[in-house]
């Protein structure tokens, strides 16, 4: 069940400011306040989904497609679309998901560490 007492919901409601990169009907993108690399942005759904699994289980195919279209637009705006970037979505406590709202991290702008195999 979605809990509206989270920072991303408050950002969507303009109760907490963010450094906005992009916004459309399904997504909002902004810079992470604790970046782990040179380019670190968050893209969140405007609809209220707890995590990626909740999103793809309940959203329409059009909404899912529009969200990932927004992710691609943000990567281009951040100028990492050609050099490369990583998309990360933490789902649940074992992944250390910190905010219970569907979002992806866009990481790039430098050589990233090799992902675990």
PDB file of N, CA and C in Angstrom:
ATOM      1  N   UNK A   1       0.840  -1.181   0.000  1.00  0.00           N
ATOM      2  CA  UNK A   1       0.000   0.000   0.000  1.00  0.00           C
ATOM      3  C   UNK A   1       0.891   1.252   0.000  1.00  0.00           C
ATOM      4  N   UNK A   2       0.532   2.212  -0.813  1.00  0.00           N
ATOM      5  CA  UNK A   2       1.308   3.438  -0.936  1.00  0.00           C
ATOM      6  C   UNK A   2       1.132   4.317   0.306  1.00  0.00           C
ATOM      7  N   UNK A   3       2.235   4.825   0.824  1.00  0.00           N
ATOM      8  CA  UNK A   3       2.237   5.715   1.984  1.00  0.00           C
ATOM      9  C   UNK A   3       2.629   7.116   1.517  1.00  0.00           C
ATOM     10  N   UNK A   4       1.722   8.054   1.628  1.00  0.00           N
ATOM     11  CA  UNK A   4       1.970   9.417   1.164  1.00  0.00           C
ATOM     12  C   UNK A   4       2.952  10.192   2.040  1.00  0.00           C
ATOM     13  N   UNK A   5       3.415   9.592   3.094  1.00  0.00           N
ATOM     14  CA  UNK A   5       4.368  10.256   3.976  1.00  0.00           C
ATOM     15  C   UNK A   5       5.798   9.932   3.547  1.00  0.00           C
ATOM     16  N   UNK A   6       6.119  10.246   2.288  1.00  0.00           N
ATOM     17  CA  UNK A   6       7.489  10.032   1.806  1.00  0.00           C
ATOM     18  C   UNK A   6       7.955  11.267   1.048  1.00  0.00           C
ATOM     19  N   UNK A   7       9.246  11.413   0.939  1.00  0.00           N
ATOM     20  CA  UNK A   7       9.839  12.622   0.373  1.00  0.00           C
ATOM     21  C   UNK A   7       9.455  12.826  -1.099  1.00  0.00           C
ATOM     22  N   UNK A   8       9.318  11.778  -1.888  1.00  0.00           N
ATOM     23  CA  UNK A   8       8.990  11.962  -3.303  1.00  0.00           C
ATOM     24  C   UNK A   8       7.546  12.428  -3.473  1.00  0.00           C
ATOM     25  N   UNK A   9       6.650  11.926  -2.655  1.00  0.00           N
ATOM     26  CA  UNK A   9       5.267  12.420  -2.700  1.00  0.00           C
ATOM     27  C   UNK A   9       5.257  13.907  -2.359  1.00  0.00           C
ATOM     28  N   UNK A  10       6.029  14.286  -1.353  1.00  0.00           N
ATOM     29  CA  UNK A  10       6.086  15.690  -0.948  1.00  0.00           C
ATOM     30  C   UNK A  10       6.716  16.561  -2.024  1.00  0.00           C
ATOM     31  N   UNK A  11       7.671  16.029  -2.768  1.00  0.00           N
ATOM     32  CA  UNK A  11       8.240  16.754  -3.905  1.00  0.00           C
ATOM     33  C   UNK A  11       7.173  16.927  -4.986  1.00  0.00           C
ATOM     34  N   UNK A  12       6.418  15.869  -5.283  1.00  0.00           N
ATOM     35  CA  UNK A  12       5.331  15.963  -6.275  1.00  0.00           C
ATOM     36  C   UNK A  12       4.290  17.005  -5.876  1.00  0.00           C
ATOM     37  N   UNK A  13       4.052  17.143  -4.586  1.00  0.00           N
ATOM     38  CA  UNK A  13       3.069  18.100  -4.076  1.00  0.00           C
ATOM     39  C   UNK A  13       3.663  19.502  -3.881  1.00  0.00           C
ATOM     40  N   UNK A  14       4.914  19.692  -4.247  1.00  0.00           N
ATOM     41  CA  UNK A  14       5.644  20.959  -4.085  1.00  0.00           C
ATOM     42  C   UNK A  14       5.789  21.377  -2.628  1.00  0.00           C
ATOM     43  N   UNK A  15       5.741  20.406  -1.724  1.00  0.00           N
ATOM     44  CA  UNK A  15       5.959  20.684  -0.305  1.00  0.00           C
ATOM     45  C   UNK A  15       7.456  20.725   0.008  1.00  0.00           C
ATOM     46  N   UNK A  16       8.251  20.041  -0.805  1.00  0.00           N
ATOM     47  CA  UNK A  16       9.706  20.014  -0.676  1.00  0.00           C
ATOM     48  C   UNK A  16      10.271  20.399  -2.037  1.00  0.00           C
ATOM     49  N   UNK A  17      11.229  21.320  -2.075  1.00  0.00           N
ATOM     50  CA  UNK A  17      11.798  21.712  -3.370  1.00  0.00           C
ATOM     51  C   UNK A  17      12.732  20.649  -3.940  1.00  0.00           C
ATOM     52  N   UNK A  18      12.892  20.695  -5.246  1.00  0.00           N
ATOM     53  CA  UNK A  18      13.861  19.832  -5.925  1.00  0.00           C
ATOM     54  C   UNK A  18      14.466  20.637  -7.071  1.00  0.00           C
ATOM     55  N   UNK A  19      15.622  20.198  -7.519  1.00  0.00           N
ATOM     56  CA  UNK A  19      16.271  20.840  -8.663  1.00  0.00           C
ATOM     57  C   UNK A  19      15.815  20.072  -9.908  1.00  0.00           C
ATOM     58  N   UNK A  20      14.707  20.537 -10.479  1.00  0.00           N
ATOM     59  CA  UNK A  20      14.028  19.852 -11.572  1.00  0.00           C
ATOM     60  C   UNK A  20      14.853  19.841 -12.854  1.00  0.00           C
ATOM     61  N   UNK A  21      14.842  18.688 -13.520  1.00  0.00           N
ATOM     62  CA  UNK A  21      15.492  18.524 -14.813  1.00  0.00           C
ATOM     63  C   UNK A  21      14.448  18.435 -15.911  1.00  0.00           C
ATOM     64  N   UNK A  22      13.357  17.711 -15.631  1.00  0.00           N
ATOM     65  CA  UNK A  22      12.358  17.416 -16.652  1.00  0.00           C
ATOM     66  C   UNK A  22      11.047  17.054 -15.970  1.00  0.00           C
ATOM     67  N   UNK A  23       9.945  17.371 -16.650  1.00  0.00           N
ATOM     68  CA  UNK A  23       8.635  16.973 -16.155  1.00  0.00           C
ATOM     69  C   UNK A  23       7.676  16.823 -17.316  1.00  0.00           C
ATOM     70  N   UNK A  24       6.863  15.779 -17.254  1.00  0.00           N
ATOM     71  CA  UNK A  24       5.778  15.605 -18.213  1.00  0.00           C
ATOM     72  C   UNK A  24       4.581  15.023 -17.467  1.00  0.00           C
ATOM     73  N   UNK A  25       3.628  14.473 -18.175  1.00  0.00           N
ATOM     74  CA  UNK A  25       2.422  13.971 -17.547  1.00  0.00           C
ATOM     75  C   UNK A  25       2.603  12.743 -16.678  1.00  0.00           C
ATOM     76  N   UNK A  26       3.660  11.971 -16.884  1.00  0.00           N
ATOM     77  CA  UNK A  26       3.848  10.727 -16.122  1.00  0.00           C
ATOM     78  C   UNK A  26       5.090  10.712 -15.244  1.00  0.00           C
ATOM     79  N   UNK A  27       6.020  11.641 -15.453  1.00  0.00           N
ATOM     80  CA  UNK A  27       7.296  11.570 -14.746  1.00  0.00           C
ATOM     81  C   UNK A  27       7.809  12.944 -14.330  1.00  0.00           C
ATOM     82  N   UNK A  28       8.599  12.917 -13.282  1.00  0.00           N
ATOM     83  CA  UNK A  28       9.318  14.093 -12.822  1.00  0.00           C
ATOM     84  C   UNK A  28      10.755  13.665 -12.581  1.00  0.00           C
ATOM     85  N   UNK A  29      11.699  14.437 -13.102  1.00  0.00           N
ATOM     86  CA  UNK A  29      13.122  14.130 -12.925  1.00  0.00           C
ATOM     87  C   UNK A  29      13.805  15.298 -12.221  1.00  0.00           C
ATOM     88  N   UNK A  30      14.702  14.944 -11.309  1.00  0.00           N
ATOM     89  CA  UNK A  30      15.444  15.952 -10.569  1.00  0.00           C
ATOM     90  C   UNK A  30      16.776  15.367 -10.124  1.00  0.00           C
ATOM     91  N   UNK A  31      17.688  16.247  -9.724  1.00  0.00           N
ATOM     92  CA  UNK A  31      19.003  15.813  -9.271  1.00  0.00           C
ATOM     93  C   UNK A  31      18.916  15.199  -7.881  1.00  0.00           C
ATOM     94  N   UNK A  32      19.672  14.124  -7.663  1.00  0.00           N
ATOM     95  CA  UNK A  32      19.750  13.491  -6.356  1.00  0.00           C
ATOM     96  C   UNK A  32      20.496  14.426  -5.399  1.00  0.00           C
ATOM     97  N   UNK A  33      20.007  14.558  -4.173  1.00  0.00           N
ATOM     98  CA  UNK A  33      20.665  15.458  -3.215  1.00  0.00           C
ATOM     99  C   UNK A  33      21.928  14.851  -2.619  1.00  0.00           C
ATOM    100  N   UNK A  34      22.117  13.537  -2.785  1.00  0.00           N
ATOM    101  CA  UNK A  34      23.327  12.859  -2.326  1.00  0.00           C
ATOM    102  C   UNK A  34      23.916  12.044  -3.472  1.00  0.00           C
ATOM    103  N   UNK A  35      24.471  12.725  -4.486  1.00  0.00           N
ATOM    104  CA  UNK A  35      24.951  12.007  -5.667  1.00  0.00           C
ATOM    105  C   UNK A  35      26.098  11.043  -5.353  1.00  0.00           C
ATOM    106  N   UNK A  36      26.092   9.911  -6.047  1.00  0.00           N
ATOM    107  CA  UNK A  36      27.156   8.916  -5.877  1.00  0.00           C
ATOM    108  C   UNK A  36      28.136   8.935  -7.043  1.00  0.00           C
ATOM    109  N   UNK A  37      27.847   9.752  -8.052  1.00  0.00           N
ATOM    110  CA  UNK A  37      28.772   9.919  -9.171  1.00  0.00           C
ATOM    111  C   UNK A  37      28.512  11.285  -9.802  1.00  0.00           C
ATOM    112  N   UNK A  38      29.279  11.599 -10.839  1.00  0.00           N
ATOM    113  CA  UNK A  38      29.227  12.923 -11.455  1.00  0.00           C
ATOM    114  C   UNK A  38      27.811  13.312 -11.880  1.00  0.00           C
ATOM    115  N   UNK A  39      27.109  12.409 -12.528  1.00  0.00           N
ATOM    116  CA  UNK A  39      25.715  12.636 -12.913  1.00  0.00           C
ATOM    117  C   UNK A  39      24.852  11.643 -12.145  1.00  0.00           C
ATOM    118  N   UNK A  40      23.958  12.159 -11.342  1.00  0.00           N
ATOM    119  CA  UNK A  40      23.053  11.302 -10.568  1.00  0.00           C
ATOM    120  C   UNK A  40      21.699  12.000 -10.481  1.00  0.00           C
ATOM    121  N   UNK A  41      20.752  11.491 -11.258  1.00  0.00           N
ATOM    122  CA  UNK A  41      19.405  12.046 -11.283  1.00  0.00           C
ATOM    123  C   UNK A  41      18.400  10.971 -10.911  1.00  0.00           C
ATOM    124  N   UNK A  42      17.245  11.415 -10.477  1.00  0.00           N
ATOM    125  CA  UNK A  42      16.140  10.524 -10.159  1.00  0.00           C
ATOM    126  C   UNK A  42      14.992  10.831 -11.106  1.00  0.00           C
ATOM    127  N   UNK A  43      14.335   9.797 -11.577  1.00  0.00           N
ATOM    128  CA  UNK A  43      13.113   9.950 -12.363  1.00  0.00           C
ATOM    129  C   UNK A  43      12.038   9.189 -11.602  1.00  0.00           C
ATOM    130  N   UNK A  44      10.990   9.907 -11.205  1.00  0.00           N
ATOM    131  CA  UNK A  44       9.925   9.295 -10.422  1.00  0.00           C
ATOM    132  C   UNK A  44       8.615   9.310 -11.197  1.00  0.00           C
ATOM    133  N   UNK A  45       7.766   8.348 -10.887  1.00  0.00           N
ATOM    134  CA  UNK A  45       6.437   8.339 -11.486  1.00  0.00           C
ATOM    135  C   UNK A  45       5.583   9.394 -10.797  1.00  0.00           C
ATOM    136  N   UNK A  46       4.700  10.007 -11.562  1.00  0.00           N
ATOM    137  CA  UNK A  46       3.758  10.943 -10.952  1.00  0.00           C
ATOM    138  C   UNK A  46       2.603  10.196 -10.310  1.00  0.00           C
ATOM    139  N   UNK A  47       2.280   9.035 -10.844  1.00  0.00           N
ATOM    140  CA  UNK A  47       1.263   8.192 -10.224  1.00  0.00           C
ATOM    141  C   UNK A  47       1.881   7.525  -8.999  1.00  0.00           C
ATOM    142  N   UNK A  48       1.046   7.123  -8.085  1.00  0.00           N
ATOM    143  CA  UNK A  48       1.508   6.658  -6.785  1.00  0.00           C
ATOM    144  C   UNK A  48       1.718   5.146  -6.761  1.00  0.00           C
ATOM    145  N   UNK A  49       2.934   4.735  -7.103  1.00  0.00           N
ATOM    146  CA  UNK A  49       3.345   3.336  -7.057  1.00  0.00           C
ATOM    147  C   UNK A  49       4.466   3.204  -6.030  1.00  0.00           C
ATOM    148  N   UNK A  50       4.467   2.107  -5.299  1.00  0.00           N
ATOM    149  CA  UNK A  50       5.450   1.896  -4.227  1.00  0.00           C
ATOM    150  C   UNK A  50       6.847   1.635  -4.777  1.00  0.00           C
ATOM    151  N   UNK A  51       6.938   0.863  -5.854  1.00  0.00           N
ATOM    152  CA  UNK A  51       8.229   0.499  -6.431  1.00  0.00           C
ATOM    153  C   UNK A  51       8.029   0.072  -7.878  1.00  0.00           C
ATOM    154  N   UNK A  52       9.111  -0.326  -8.511  1.00  0.00           N
ATOM    155  CA  UNK A  52       9.074  -0.713  -9.920  1.00  0.00           C
ATOM    156  C   UNK A  52       8.124  -1.889 -10.154  1.00  0.00           C
ATOM    157  N   UNK A  53       8.148  -2.880  -9.279  1.00  0.00           N
ATOM    158  CA  UNK A  53       7.265  -4.040  -9.425  1.00  0.00           C
ATOM    159  C   UNK A  53       5.802  -3.612  -9.358  1.00  0.00           C
ATOM    160  N   UNK A  54       5.464  -2.775  -8.423  1.00  0.00           N
ATOM    161  CA  UNK A  54       4.103  -2.248  -8.304  1.00  0.00           C
ATOM    162  C   UNK A  54       3.713  -1.509  -9.577  1.00  0.00           C
ATOM    163  N   UNK A  55       4.620  -0.715 -10.100  1.00  0.00           N
ATOM    164  CA  UNK A  55       4.390   0.064 -11.315  1.00  0.00           C
ATOM    165  C   UNK A  55       4.100  -0.830 -12.513  1.00  0.00           C
ATOM    166  N   UNK A  56       4.981  -1.762 -12.807  1.00  0.00           N
ATOM    167  CA  UNK A  56       4.778  -2.588 -14.007  1.00  0.00           C
ATOM    168  C   UNK A  56       3.626  -3.568 -13.845  1.00  0.00           C
ATOM    169  N   UNK A  57       3.236  -3.866 -12.608  1.00  0.00           N
ATOM    170  CA  UNK A  57       2.104  -4.755 -12.363  1.00  0.00           C
ATOM    171  C   UNK A  57       0.766  -4.052 -12.539  1.00  0.00           C
ATOM    172  N   UNK A  58       0.726  -2.743 -12.278  1.00  0.00           N
ATOM    173  CA  UNK A  58      -0.550  -2.026 -12.269  1.00  0.00           C
ATOM    174  C   UNK A  58      -0.717  -0.977 -13.367  1.00  0.00           C
ATOM    175  N   UNK A  59       0.366  -0.449 -13.876  1.00  0.00           N
ATOM    176  CA  UNK A  59       0.280   0.617 -14.880  1.00  0.00           C
ATOM    177  C   UNK A  59      -0.061   0.036 -16.251  1.00  0.00           C
ATOM    178  N   UNK A  60      -0.632   0.878 -17.082  1.00  0.00           N
ATOM    179  CA  UNK A  60      -0.918   0.456 -18.455  1.00  0.00           C
ATOM    180  C   UNK A  60       0.385   0.376 -19.245  1.00  0.00           C
ATOM    181  N   UNK A  61       0.399  -0.405 -20.318  1.00  0.00           N
ATOM    182  CA  UNK A  61       1.593  -0.449 -21.164  1.00  0.00           C
ATOM    183  C   UNK A  61       1.983   0.940 -21.680  1.00  0.00           C
ATOM    184  N   UNK A  62       0.999   1.785 -21.936  1.00  0.00           N
ATOM    185  CA  UNK A  62       1.282   3.144 -22.417  1.00  0.00           C
ATOM    186  C   UNK A  62       1.989   3.973 -21.343  1.00  0.00           C
ATOM    187  N   UNK A  63       1.551   3.814 -20.091  1.00  0.00           N
ATOM    188  CA  UNK A  63       2.180   4.552 -18.995  1.00  0.00           C
ATOM    189  C   UNK A  63       3.613   4.083 -18.769  1.00  0.00           C
ATOM    190  N   UNK A  64       3.827   2.774 -18.828  1.00  0.00           N
ATOM    191  CA  UNK A  64       5.178   2.226 -18.679  1.00  0.00           C
ATOM    192  C   UNK A  64       6.073   2.750 -19.800  1.00  0.00           C
ATOM    193  N   UNK A  65       5.568   2.708 -21.029  1.00  0.00           N
ATOM    194  CA  UNK A  65       6.345   3.206 -22.167  1.00  0.00           C
ATOM    195  C   UNK A  65       6.651   4.686 -22.051  1.00  0.00           C
ATOM    196  N   UNK A  66       5.674   5.468 -21.614  1.00  0.00           N
ATOM    197  CA  UNK A  66       5.885   6.905 -21.458  1.00  0.00           C
ATOM    198  C   UNK A  66       6.913   7.195 -20.369  1.00  0.00           C
ATOM    199  N   UNK A  67       6.892   6.410 -19.293  1.00  0.00           N
ATOM    200  CA  UNK A  67       7.868   6.605 -18.222  1.00  0.00           C
ATOM    201  C   UNK A  67       9.285   6.353 -18.745  1.00  0.00           C
ATOM    202  N   UNK A  68       9.475   5.253 -19.455  1.00  0.00           N
ATOM    203  CA  UNK A  68      10.819   4.963 -19.954  1.00  0.00           C
ATOM    204  C   UNK A  68      11.227   5.909 -21.080  1.00  0.00           C
ATOM    205  N   UNK A  69      10.258   6.458 -21.795  1.00  0.00           N
ATOM    206  CA  UNK A  69      10.552   7.527 -22.751  1.00  0.00           C
ATOM    207  C   UNK A  69      11.081   8.755 -22.019  1.00  0.00           C
ATOM    208  N   UNK A  70      10.487   9.054 -20.866  1.00  0.00           N
ATOM    209  CA  UNK A  70      10.949  10.182 -20.054  1.00  0.00           C
ATOM    210  C   UNK A  70      12.365   9.935 -19.539  1.00  0.00           C
ATOM    211  N   UNK A  71      12.659   8.706 -19.129  1.00  0.00           N
ATOM    212  CA  UNK A  71      14.009   8.365 -18.668  1.00  0.00           C
ATOM    213  C   UNK A  71      15.015   8.635 -19.790  1.00  0.00           C
ATOM    214  N   UNK A  72      14.689   8.222 -21.000  1.00  0.00           N
ATOM    215  CA  UNK A  72      15.582   8.450 -22.143  1.00  0.00           C
ATOM    216  C   UNK A  72      15.765   9.944 -22.420  1.00  0.00           C
ATOM    217  N   UNK A  73      14.688  10.722 -22.317  1.00  0.00           N
ATOM    218  CA  UNK A  73      14.789  12.175 -22.522  1.00  0.00           C
ATOM    219  C   UNK A  73      15.700  12.804 -21.473  1.00  0.00           C
ATOM    220  N   UNK A  74      15.579  12.357 -20.237  1.00  0.00           N
ATOM    221  CA  UNK A  74      16.417  12.907 -19.165  1.00  0.00           C
ATOM    222  C   UNK A  74      17.884  12.562 -19.410  1.00  0.00           C
ATOM    223  N   UNK A  75      18.164  11.338 -19.832  1.00  0.00           N
ATOM    224  CA  UNK A  75      19.543  10.955 -20.142  1.00  0.00           C
ATOM    225  C   UNK A  75      20.121  11.862 -21.228  1.00  0.00           C
ATOM    226  N   UNK A  76      19.310  12.190 -22.214  1.00  0.00           N
ATOM    227  CA  UNK A  76      19.766  13.089 -23.279  1.00  0.00           C
ATOM    228  C   UNK A  76      20.003  14.501 -22.731  1.00  0.00           C
ATOM    229  N   UNK A  77      19.081  14.989 -21.909  1.00  0.00           N
ATOM    230  CA  UNK A  77      19.249  16.316 -21.304  1.00  0.00           C
ATOM    231  C   UNK A  77      20.503  16.395 -20.437  1.00  0.00           C
ATOM    232  N   UNK A  78      20.831  15.289 -19.796  1.00  0.00           N
ATOM    233  CA  UNK A  78      22.024  15.227 -18.942  1.00  0.00           C
ATOM    234  C   UNK A  78      23.300  14.971 -19.737  1.00  0.00           C
ATOM    235  N   UNK A  79      23.135  14.754 -21.048  1.00  0.00           N
ATOM    236  CA  UNK A  79      24.246  14.521 -21.978  1.00  0.00           C
ATOM    237  C   UNK A  79      25.042  13.271 -21.652  1.00  0.00           C
ATOM    238  N   UNK A  80      24.342  12.224 -21.206  1.00  0.00           N
ATOM    239  CA  UNK A  80      24.988  10.932 -20.982  1.00  0.00           C
ATOM    240  C   UNK A  80      24.466   9.876 -21.954  1.00  0.00           C
ATOM    241  N   UNK A  81      23.575  10.277 -22.846  1.00  0.00           N
ATOM    242  CA  UNK A  81      22.968   9.327 -23.771  1.00  0.00           C
ATOM    243  C   UNK A  81      23.981   8.710 -24.730  1.00  0.00           C
ATOM    244  N   UNK A  82      25.042   9.426 -25.055  1.00  0.00           N
ATOM    245  CA  UNK A  82      26.048   8.872 -25.973  1.00  0.00           C
ATOM    246  C   UNK A  82      27.216   8.218 -25.234  1.00  0.00           C
ATOM    247  N   UNK A  83      27.628   8.791 -24.121  1.00  0.00           N
ATOM    248  CA  UNK A  83      28.769   8.235 -23.382  1.00  0.00           C
ATOM    249  C   UNK A  83      28.387   7.001 -22.573  1.00  0.00           C
ATOM    250  N   UNK A  84      27.119   6.910 -22.204  1.00  0.00           N
ATOM    251  CA  UNK A  84      26.624   5.761 -21.458  1.00  0.00           C
ATOM    252  C   UNK A  84      26.197   6.123 -20.051  1.00  0.00           C
ATOM    253  N   UNK A  85      25.277   5.345 -19.550  1.00  0.00           N
ATOM    254  CA  UNK A  85      24.748   5.574 -18.216  1.00  0.00           C
ATOM    255  C   UNK A  85      24.141   4.282 -17.685  1.00  0.00           C
ATOM    256  N   UNK A  86      23.882   4.276 -16.399  1.00  0.00           N
ATOM    257  CA  UNK A  86      23.271   3.125 -15.743  1.00  0.00           C
ATOM    258  C   UNK A  86      21.921   3.562 -15.188  1.00  0.00           C
ATOM    259  N   UNK A  87      20.935   2.683 -15.296  1.00  0.00           N
ATOM    260  CA  UNK A  87      19.622   2.897 -14.684  1.00  0.00           C
ATOM    261  C   UNK A  87      19.484   1.885 -13.560  1.00  0.00           C
ATOM    262  N   UNK A  88      19.137   2.365 -12.369  1.00  0.00           N
ATOM    263  CA  UNK A  88      19.002   1.495 -11.204  1.00  0.00           C
ATOM    264  C   UNK A  88      17.649   1.757 -10.555  1.00  0.00           C
ATOM    265  N   UNK A  89      16.960   0.680 -10.224  1.00  0.00           N
ATOM    266  CA  UNK A  89      15.724   0.788  -9.457  1.00  0.00           C
ATOM    267  C   UNK A  89      15.789  -0.203  -8.307  1.00  0.00           C
ATOM    268  N   UNK A  90      15.860   0.307  -7.094  1.00  0.00           N
ATOM    269  CA  UNK A  90      15.875  -0.541  -5.912  1.00  0.00           C
ATOM    270  C   UNK A  90      14.437  -0.894  -5.547  1.00  0.00           C
ATOM    271  N   UNK A  91      14.218  -2.168  -5.263  1.00  0.00           N
ATOM    272  CA  UNK A  91      12.872  -2.651  -4.975  1.00  0.00           C
ATOM    273  C   UNK A  91      12.897  -3.411  -3.653  1.00  0.00           C
ATOM    274  N   UNK A  92      12.287  -2.842  -2.626  1.00  0.00           N
ATOM    275  CA  UNK A  92      12.166  -3.519  -1.343  1.00  0.00           C
ATOM    276  C   UNK A  92      13.358  -3.338  -0.413  1.00  0.00           C
ATOM    277  N   UNK A  93      13.185  -3.875   0.784  1.00  0.00           N
ATOM    278  CA  UNK A  93      14.171  -3.659   1.852  1.00  0.00           C
ATOM    279  C   UNK A  93      15.511  -4.317   1.576  1.00  0.00           C
ATOM    280  N   UNK A  94      15.539  -5.491   0.950  1.00  0.00           N
ATOM    281  CA  UNK A  94      16.819  -6.155   0.688  1.00  0.00           C
ATOM    282  C   UNK A  94      17.684  -5.382  -0.303  1.00  0.00           C
ATOM    283  N   UNK A  95      17.056  -4.566  -1.140  1.00  0.00           N
ATOM    284  CA  UNK A  95      17.827  -3.757  -2.085  1.00  0.00           C
ATOM    285  C   UNK A  95      18.187  -2.394  -1.497  1.00  0.00           C
ATOM    286  N   UNK A  96      17.698  -2.151  -0.295  1.00  0.00           N
ATOM    287  CA  UNK A  96      17.900  -0.878   0.399  1.00  0.00           C
ATOM    288  C   UNK A  96      17.133   0.271  -0.249  1.00  0.00           C
ATOM    289  N   UNK A  97      15.941  -0.034  -0.738  1.00  0.00           N
ATOM    290  CA  UNK A  97      15.080   1.028  -1.258  1.00  0.00           C
ATOM    291  C   UNK A  97      14.787   1.976  -0.104  1.00  0.00           C
ATOM    292  N   UNK A  98      15.152   3.235  -0.272  1.00  0.00           N
ATOM    293  CA  UNK A  98      15.000   4.206   0.812  1.00  0.00           C
ATOM    294  C   UNK A  98      13.672   4.942   0.772  1.00  0.00           C
ATOM    295  N   UNK A  99      13.141   5.174  -0.422  1.00  0.00           N
ATOM    296  CA  UNK A  99      11.893   5.916  -0.553  1.00  0.00           C
ATOM    297  C   UNK A  99      10.857   5.013  -1.213  1.00  0.00           C
ATOM    298  N   UNK A 100       9.728   4.770  -0.547  1.00  0.00           N
ATOM    299  CA  UNK A 100       8.716   3.864  -1.080  1.00  0.00           C
ATOM    300  C   UNK A 100       7.836   4.514  -2.146  1.00  0.00           C
ATOM    301  N   UNK A 101       8.479   4.945  -3.220  1.00  0.00           N
ATOM    302  CA  UNK A 101       7.803   5.534  -4.382  1.00  0.00           C
ATOM    303  C   UNK A 101       8.600   5.091  -5.603  1.00  0.00           C
ATOM    304  N   UNK A 102       7.927   4.633  -6.638  1.00  0.00           N
ATOM    305  CA  UNK A 102       8.615   4.121  -7.831  1.00  0.00           C
ATOM    306  C   UNK A 102       9.529   5.186  -8.430  1.00  0.00           C
ATOM    307  N   UNK A 103      10.791   4.807  -8.593  1.00  0.00           N
ATOM    308  CA  UNK A 103      11.768   5.724  -9.176  1.00  0.00           C
ATOM    309  C   UNK A 103      12.946   4.943  -9.737  1.00  0.00           C
ATOM    310  N   UNK A 104      13.648   5.590 -10.649  1.00  0.00           N
ATOM    311  CA  UNK A 104      14.909   5.048 -11.143  1.00  0.00           C
ATOM    312  C   UNK A 104      15.986   6.111 -10.969  1.00  0.00           C
ATOM    313  N   UNK A 105      17.197   5.630 -10.753  1.00  0.00           N
ATOM    314  CA  UNK A 105      18.368   6.488 -10.692  1.00  0.00           C
ATOM    315  C   UNK A 105      19.033   6.440 -12.064  1.00  0.00           C
ATOM    316  N   UNK A 106      19.443   7.576 -12.579  1.00  0.00           N
ATOM    317  CA  UNK A 106      20.284   7.639 -13.774  1.00  0.00           C
ATOM    318  C   UNK A 106      21.672   8.022 -13.280  1.00  0.00           C
ATOM    319  N   UNK A 107      22.639   7.144 -13.539  1.00  0.00           N
ATOM    320  CA  UNK A 107      24.010   7.337 -13.075  1.00  0.00           C
ATOM    321  C   UNK A 107      24.937   7.396 -14.276  1.00  0.00           C
ATOM    322  N   UNK A 108      25.816   8.373 -14.313  1.00  0.00           N
ATOM    323  CA  UNK A 108      26.745   8.468 -15.437  1.00  0.00           C
ATOM    324  C   UNK A 108      27.675   9.652 -15.305  1.00  0.00           C
ATOM    325  N   UNK A 109      28.189  10.075 -16.452  1.00  0.00           N
ATOM    326  CA  UNK A 109      29.089  11.213 -16.481  1.00  0.00           C
ATOM    327  C   UNK A 109      30.536  10.874 -16.188  1.00  0.00           C
ATOM    328  N   UNK A 110      30.802   9.602 -15.919  1.00  0.00           N
ATOM    329  CA  UNK A 110      32.154   9.127 -15.630  1.00  0.00           C
ATOM    330  C   UNK A 110      32.152   7.604 -15.754  1.00  0.00           C
ATOM    331  N   UNK A 111      33.332   7.025 -15.756  1.00  0.00           N
ATOM    332  CA  UNK A 111      33.448   5.568 -15.781  1.00  0.00           C
ATOM    333  C   UNK A 111      32.880   5.008 -14.479  1.00  0.00           C
ATOM    334  N   UNK A 112      31.875   4.164 -14.564  1.00  0.00           N
ATOM    335  CA  UNK A 112      31.259   3.584 -13.380  1.00  0.00           C
ATOM    336  C   UNK A 112      31.921   2.276 -13.031  1.00  0.00           C
ATOM    337  N   UNK A 113      31.807   1.894 -11.766  1.00  0.00           N
ATOM    338  CA  UNK A 113      32.389   0.623 -11.365  1.00  0.00           C
ATOM    339  C   UNK A 113      31.661  -0.522 -12.086  1.00  0.00           C
ATOM    340  N   UNK A 114      32.362  -1.618 -12.234  1.00  0.00           N
ATOM    341  CA  UNK A 114      31.756  -2.780 -12.881  1.00  0.00           C
ATOM    342  C   UNK A 114      30.684  -3.336 -11.970  1.00  0.00           C
ATOM    343  N   UNK A 115      29.536  -3.650 -12.544  1.00  0.00           N
ATOM    344  CA  UNK A 115      28.456  -4.210 -11.731  1.00  0.00           C
ATOM    345  C   UNK A 115      28.807  -5.636 -11.354  1.00  0.00           C
ATOM    346  N   UNK A 116      28.237  -6.087 -10.251  1.00  0.00           N
ATOM    347  CA  UNK A 116      28.528  -7.463  -9.797  1.00  0.00           C
ATOM    348  C   UNK A 116      27.958  -8.465 -10.772  1.00  0.00           C
ATOM    349  N   UNK A 117      28.614  -9.625 -10.835  1.00  0.00           N
ATOM    350  CA  UNK A 117      28.209 -10.665 -11.794  1.00  0.00           C
ATOM    351  C   UNK A 117      27.392 -11.709 -11.125  1.00  0.00           C
TER     352      UNK A 117
END
